[in-house]
């Protein structure tokens, strides 16, 4: 009985020790991609284990990423590996053995969700310039965002990758109004006409890819730019300034009314204190 008890205690201790030394599994594997710079991210408990990332496309053979072999980080840049770019890729994050004694153990691995960079990579905000051509017409010049691709030493833009699939949405409104209008331009040069002459208009642009699914169809909005024009004084004032001005006007009216009432009361008091004039009638003695 004692021997059996000792063996049970040893087995339990050995099991707990093996549990503590268990290889961690990559969790929460996800893709993050902006302007076709694509990074695979995951989480795992702290340990001395490393990870190796493999990938494949269209259910093909698995390949290792040269930059993601036995790495201690929880991320891997696959931007230059995912070619051709318009394919459905899947990644596999494998936990590497800590030492030779773990070579015979079955180490965990985790698959990523499928990802297509061409149809799912987010597009950043573009820079643009608005030029007034004539009364009621402006030109919007958009600068295409750049990617991390450098074929033949030349950096590619988003337009170089998406080509004719890349459009731009231009949103604009008259300064001081809330109603917005949107137009779609197939190039990074667009003209907006039918504007009220002499009025200031504000513009924003965003990449727009009609061929994509709705969740990935539009990129980030740019900063707002406004054209010069004749603006009403009420348009130039902020809400706080308008409220302050109204309060000042109301205060002035209250002061005027108060002073008028006090003056009227004083006049009434003076009239009450002054005795009425007596009219004497002169009689003629015959």
Protein backbone atom coordinates (compact mmCIF):
# COMPACT_ATOMS: atom_id res chain seq x y z
CA UNK A 1 0.00 0.00 0.00
CA UNK A 2 2.83 2.38 0.84
CA UNK A 3 4.59 1.60 -2.42
CA UNK A 4 1.38 2.16 -4.39
CA UNK A 5 0.80 5.46 -2.55
CA UNK A 6 4.36 6.65 -3.30
CA UNK A 7 3.97 5.69 -6.95
CA UNK A 8 0.69 7.59 -7.16
CA UNK A 9 2.24 10.73 -5.65
CA UNK A 10 5.20 10.52 -8.07
CA UNK A 11 2.96 10.05 -11.07
CA UNK A 12 0.82 13.03 -10.05
CA UNK A 13 3.92 15.20 -9.58
CA UNK A 14 5.30 14.07 -12.94
CA UNK A 15 1.96 14.83 -14.63
CA UNK A 16 1.86 18.33 -13.14
CA UNK A 17 5.45 18.95 -14.21
CA UNK A 18 4.67 17.86 -17.77
CA UNK A 19 1.58 20.08 -17.78
CA UNK A 20 3.69 23.07 -16.78
CA UNK A 21 6.17 22.25 -19.55
CA UNK A 22 3.45 21.78 -22.18
CA UNK A 23 4.16 23.55 -25.44
CA UNK A 24 1.97 26.65 -25.82
CA UNK A 25 -0.47 26.81 -28.71
CA UNK A 26 -0.88 29.91 -30.86
CA UNK A 27 -4.28 31.47 -30.22
CA UNK A 28 -6.32 34.29 -31.73
CA UNK A 29 -4.53 33.99 -35.08
CA UNK A 30 -5.61 36.89 -37.29
CA UNK A 31 -4.56 38.98 -40.30
CA UNK A 32 -3.83 42.71 -40.32
CA UNK A 33 -3.27 44.34 -43.70
CA UNK A 34 -3.00 48.00 -44.75
CA UNK A 35 -2.05 49.07 -48.27
CA UNK A 36 -1.05 45.42 -48.93
CA UNK A 37 1.43 45.30 -46.04
CA UNK A 38 0.12 42.08 -44.49
CA UNK A 39 1.05 40.84 -41.03
CA UNK A 40 -0.07 37.66 -39.28
CA UNK A 41 -0.68 38.10 -35.53
CA UNK A 42 -1.35 35.63 -32.72
CA UNK A 43 -1.18 35.31 -28.93
CA UNK A 44 0.25 32.63 -26.61
CA UNK A 45 1.30 32.31 -22.95
CA UNK A 46 4.88 33.40 -22.11
CA UNK A 47 7.39 30.58 -22.67
CA UNK A 48 10.78 29.72 -24.14
CA UNK A 49 9.18 28.08 -27.17
CA UNK A 50 9.45 29.61 -30.65
CA UNK A 51 7.14 29.59 -33.66
CA UNK A 52 7.42 28.89 -37.37
CA UNK A 53 4.85 30.11 -39.90
CA UNK A 54 3.88 28.18 -43.01
CA UNK A 55 1.46 29.32 -45.66
CA UNK A 56 -0.31 28.05 -48.74
CA UNK A 57 -2.80 29.35 -51.29
CA UNK A 58 -5.80 27.75 -52.92
CA UNK A 59 -5.24 24.59 -50.81
CA UNK A 60 -1.79 24.06 -52.33
CA UNK A 61 1.49 22.89 -50.80
CA UNK A 62 2.72 24.39 -47.53
CA UNK A 63 5.77 26.69 -47.64
CA UNK A 64 7.81 28.30 -44.88
CA UNK A 65 8.28 32.04 -44.73
CA UNK A 66 12.06 32.77 -44.61
CA UNK A 67 11.53 35.60 -42.12
CA UNK A 68 9.28 33.60 -39.80
CA UNK A 69 11.28 30.49 -38.84
CA UNK A 70 11.78 29.78 -35.11
CA UNK A 71 10.85 33.31 -34.08
CA UNK A 72 10.00 34.37 -30.55
CA UNK A 73 7.71 37.23 -31.64
CA UNK A 74 3.96 36.77 -31.95
CA UNK A 75 3.76 38.28 -35.42
CA UNK A 76 5.05 37.60 -38.92
CA UNK A 77 5.29 39.95 -41.92
CA UNK A 78 4.09 37.97 -44.94
CA UNK A 79 3.75 40.93 -47.33
CA UNK A 80 6.41 39.73 -49.77
CA UNK A 81 5.43 36.05 -49.51
CA UNK A 82 1.77 36.34 -50.52
CA UNK A 83 2.20 36.26 -54.29
CA UNK A 84 0.33 36.21 -56.58
CA UNK A 85 -1.59 38.68 -54.46
CA UNK A 86 -5.08 37.83 -55.72
CA UNK A 87 -5.24 34.40 -54.07
CA UNK A 88 -6.86 32.96 -50.95
CA UNK A 89 -4.07 32.31 -48.43
CA UNK A 90 -4.07 30.27 -45.24
CA UNK A 91 -1.30 30.31 -42.63
CA UNK A 92 -0.29 27.67 -40.10
CA UNK A 93 1.50 28.74 -36.88
CA UNK A 94 3.57 25.84 -35.49
CA UNK A 95 5.08 25.73 -32.02
CA UNK A 96 8.76 24.77 -32.29
CA UNK A 97 10.42 22.37 -29.77
CA UNK A 98 12.25 24.00 -26.89
CA UNK A 99 14.98 21.33 -26.86
CA UNK A 100 15.84 17.97 -28.39
CA UNK A 101 13.85 16.13 -25.74
CA UNK A 102 10.65 17.52 -27.21
CA UNK A 103 11.36 16.32 -30.76
CA UNK A 104 9.24 13.22 -30.29
CA UNK A 105 6.34 15.14 -28.80
CA UNK A 106 3.42 16.17 -30.97
CA UNK A 107 3.65 19.97 -30.91
CA UNK A 108 0.53 22.11 -31.41
CA UNK A 109 -0.24 24.27 -34.43
CA UNK A 110 -3.06 26.64 -35.34
CA UNK A 111 -4.54 27.56 -38.72
CA UNK A 112 -5.45 31.11 -39.63
CA UNK A 113 -8.70 32.14 -41.30
CA UNK A 114 -8.47 32.45 -45.09
CA UNK A 115 -7.32 35.82 -46.40
CA UNK A 116 -7.13 37.46 -49.83
CA UNK A 117 -4.89 40.57 -49.82
CA UNK A 118 -6.26 41.89 -53.10
CA UNK A 119 -9.86 41.96 -51.89
CA UNK A 120 -9.40 42.43 -48.12
CA UNK A 121 -6.42 44.72 -47.49
CA UNK A 122 -7.50 48.05 -46.01
CA UNK A 123 -6.64 51.25 -47.94
CA UNK A 124 -5.31 54.23 -45.98
CA UNK A 125 -6.43 57.84 -46.36
CA UNK A 126 -5.22 59.57 -49.51
CA UNK A 127 -3.84 63.08 -49.79
CA UNK A 128 -5.43 65.46 -52.28
CA UNK A 129 -5.51 69.06 -53.48
CA UNK A 130 -8.49 71.17 -54.57
CA UNK A 131 -7.97 73.76 -57.31
CA UNK A 132 -10.61 76.31 -58.32
CA UNK A 133 -10.85 76.35 -62.13
CA UNK A 134 -13.61 78.90 -62.65
CA UNK A 135 -16.90 80.03 -61.17
CA UNK A 136 -18.80 76.93 -60.04
CA UNK A 137 -16.13 74.36 -61.04
CA UNK A 138 -13.15 72.87 -59.17
CA UNK A 139 -10.54 70.18 -59.84
CA UNK A 140 -9.70 67.50 -57.25
CA UNK A 141 -6.19 66.00 -57.60
CA UNK A 142 -5.69 62.83 -55.52
CA UNK A 143 -2.33 61.27 -54.62
CA UNK A 144 -2.49 57.46 -54.57
CA UNK A 145 -1.33 55.83 -51.28
CA UNK A 146 1.94 53.90 -51.52
CA UNK A 147 2.52 50.20 -50.81
CA UNK A 148 5.53 48.32 -49.43
CA UNK A 149 6.23 46.68 -52.80
CA UNK A 150 9.42 47.73 -54.64
CA UNK A 151 9.65 45.72 -57.87
CA UNK A 152 12.79 46.64 -59.83
CA UNK A 153 13.60 49.23 -57.15
CA UNK A 154 10.47 51.33 -57.78
CA UNK A 155 7.86 51.69 -55.04
CA UNK A 156 4.37 50.79 -56.20
CA UNK A 157 1.23 52.71 -55.35
CA UNK A 158 -2.19 51.28 -54.57
CA UNK A 159 -3.17 52.23 -58.11
CA UNK A 160 -0.33 50.09 -59.51
CA UNK A 161 -1.76 47.07 -57.69
CA UNK A 162 -5.52 47.57 -58.13
CA UNK A 163 -5.31 49.27 -61.55
CA UNK A 164 -8.80 49.90 -62.99
CA UNK A 165 -10.49 48.42 -59.91
CA UNK A 166 -9.47 51.49 -57.87
CA UNK A 167 -11.93 54.36 -57.87
CA UNK A 168 -12.27 57.34 -55.52
CA UNK A 169 -15.32 58.61 -53.66
CA UNK A 170 -15.43 62.40 -53.35
CA UNK A 171 -17.75 63.86 -50.71
CA UNK A 172 -18.40 67.61 -50.60
CA UNK A 173 -20.80 70.14 -49.09
CA UNK A 174 -21.32 73.87 -49.02
CA UNK A 175 -19.67 75.53 -46.04
CA UNK A 176 -22.24 76.10 -43.31
CA UNK A 177 -24.66 73.42 -44.63
CA UNK A 178 -25.09 69.82 -43.50
CA UNK A 179 -26.23 68.29 -46.78
CA UNK A 180 -23.45 66.28 -48.48
CA UNK A 181 -23.07 65.03 -52.03
CA UNK A 182 -20.96 62.09 -53.23
CA UNK A 183 -19.48 61.39 -56.62
CA UNK A 184 -17.36 58.45 -57.83
CA UNK A 185 -14.27 59.11 -59.93
CA UNK A 186 -12.49 56.38 -61.89
CA UNK A 187 -9.18 58.26 -61.77
CA UNK A 188 -7.23 60.37 -59.29
CA UNK A 189 -8.15 63.51 -61.24
CA UNK A 190 -11.75 64.63 -61.05
CA UNK A 191 -13.76 67.78 -61.75
CA UNK A 192 -16.74 68.88 -59.69
CA UNK A 193 -19.12 71.30 -61.37
CA UNK A 194 -22.48 72.88 -60.62
CA UNK A 195 -21.21 74.70 -57.50
CA UNK A 196 -22.65 78.03 -56.38
CA UNK A 197 -20.37 80.82 -57.52
CA UNK A 198 -18.53 82.66 -54.75
CA UNK A 199 -19.39 80.03 -52.10
CA UNK A 200 -16.93 78.00 -50.02
CA UNK A 201 -17.10 74.20 -50.38
CA UNK A 202 -15.42 71.50 -48.27
CA UNK A 203 -14.14 68.20 -49.73
CA UNK A 204 -13.05 64.73 -48.50
CA UNK A 205 -11.89 61.72 -50.53
CA UNK A 206 -11.62 57.97 -49.93
CA UNK A 207 -10.49 55.01 -52.01
CA UNK A 208 -13.42 53.04 -53.39
CA UNK A 209 -13.23 49.53 -54.91
CA UNK A 210 -16.66 48.53 -56.30
CA UNK A 211 -15.55 44.95 -57.05
CA UNK A 212 -14.97 44.19 -53.36
CA UNK A 213 -17.39 43.01 -50.71
CA UNK A 214 -19.16 45.87 -48.88
CA UNK A 215 -17.03 45.48 -45.72
CA UNK A 216 -13.80 46.16 -47.68
CA UNK A 217 -15.14 48.40 -50.44
CA UNK A 218 -14.20 51.83 -49.06
CA UNK A 219 -10.90 53.06 -47.63
CA UNK A 220 -10.31 55.59 -44.87
CA UNK A 221 -11.56 59.17 -45.33
CA UNK A 222 -8.98 61.88 -45.88
CA UNK A 223 -8.65 65.13 -44.00
CA UNK A 224 -11.11 67.85 -45.02
CA UNK A 225 -10.11 70.70 -47.33
CA UNK A 226 -12.22 73.79 -48.09
CA UNK A 227 -12.09 76.25 -50.95
CA UNK A 228 -12.06 80.03 -50.32
CA UNK A 229 -15.30 81.91 -50.91
CA UNK A 230 -17.73 84.47 -49.63
CA UNK A 231 -19.05 83.17 -46.35
CA UNK A 232 -21.76 84.52 -44.14
CA UNK A 233 -20.68 85.87 -40.77
CA UNK A 234 -22.95 83.28 -39.13
CA UNK A 235 -21.04 80.52 -40.94
CA UNK A 236 -17.70 81.74 -39.66
CA UNK A 237 -18.81 81.95 -36.05
CA UNK A 238 -18.64 78.84 -33.93
CA UNK A 239 -21.56 77.57 -31.86
CA UNK A 240 -19.99 78.93 -28.68
CA UNK A 241 -19.54 82.36 -30.21
CA UNK A 242 -23.17 82.44 -31.38
CA UNK A 243 -24.46 81.42 -27.95
CA UNK A 244 -22.22 84.04 -26.30
CA UNK A 245 -23.47 86.73 -28.67
CA UNK A 246 -27.10 85.86 -27.97
CA UNK A 247 -26.47 85.99 -24.23
CA UNK A 248 -24.86 89.42 -24.55
CA UNK A 249 -27.84 90.71 -26.58
CA UNK A 250 -30.26 89.25 -24.04
CA UNK A 251 -28.32 90.86 -21.17
CA UNK A 252 -28.41 94.25 -22.90
CA UNK A 253 -32.18 93.96 -23.39
CA UNK A 254 -32.65 93.05 -19.73
CA UNK A 255 -30.57 96.08 -18.66
CA UNK A 256 -32.54 98.42 -20.95
CA UNK A 257 -35.88 97.11 -19.68
CA UNK A 258 -34.74 97.33 -16.04
CA UNK A 259 -33.50 100.92 -16.44
CA UNK A 260 -36.74 101.93 -18.19
CA UNK A 261 -38.86 100.46 -15.41
CA UNK A 262 -36.81 102.19 -12.69
CA UNK A 263 -37.06 105.53 -14.49
CA UNK A 264 -40.84 105.21 -14.80
CA UNK A 265 -41.17 104.44 -11.10
CA UNK A 266 -39.10 107.47 -10.12
CA UNK A 267 -41.25 109.77 -12.24
CA UNK A 268 -44.40 108.45 -10.63
CA UNK A 269 -42.97 109.02 -7.14
CA UNK A 270 -42.02 112.61 -7.98
CA UNK A 271 -45.51 113.35 -9.25
CA UNK A 272 -47.03 112.04 -6.02
CA UNK A 273 -44.76 114.18 -3.82
CA UNK A 274 -45.40 117.48 -5.75
CA UNK A 275 -48.68 119.26 -4.53
CA UNK A 276 -51.17 120.08 -7.26
CA UNK A 277 -51.23 123.67 -8.50
CA UNK A 278 -54.17 125.69 -7.24
CA UNK A 279 -56.07 127.71 -9.78
CA UNK A 280 -57.30 130.99 -8.45
CA UNK A 281 -60.18 132.74 -10.08
CA UNK A 282 -60.11 136.53 -10.00
CA UNK A 283 -63.40 138.27 -9.46
CA UNK A 284 -64.32 141.69 -10.76
CA UNK A 285 -65.92 144.07 -8.29
CA UNK A 286 -68.64 146.19 -9.80
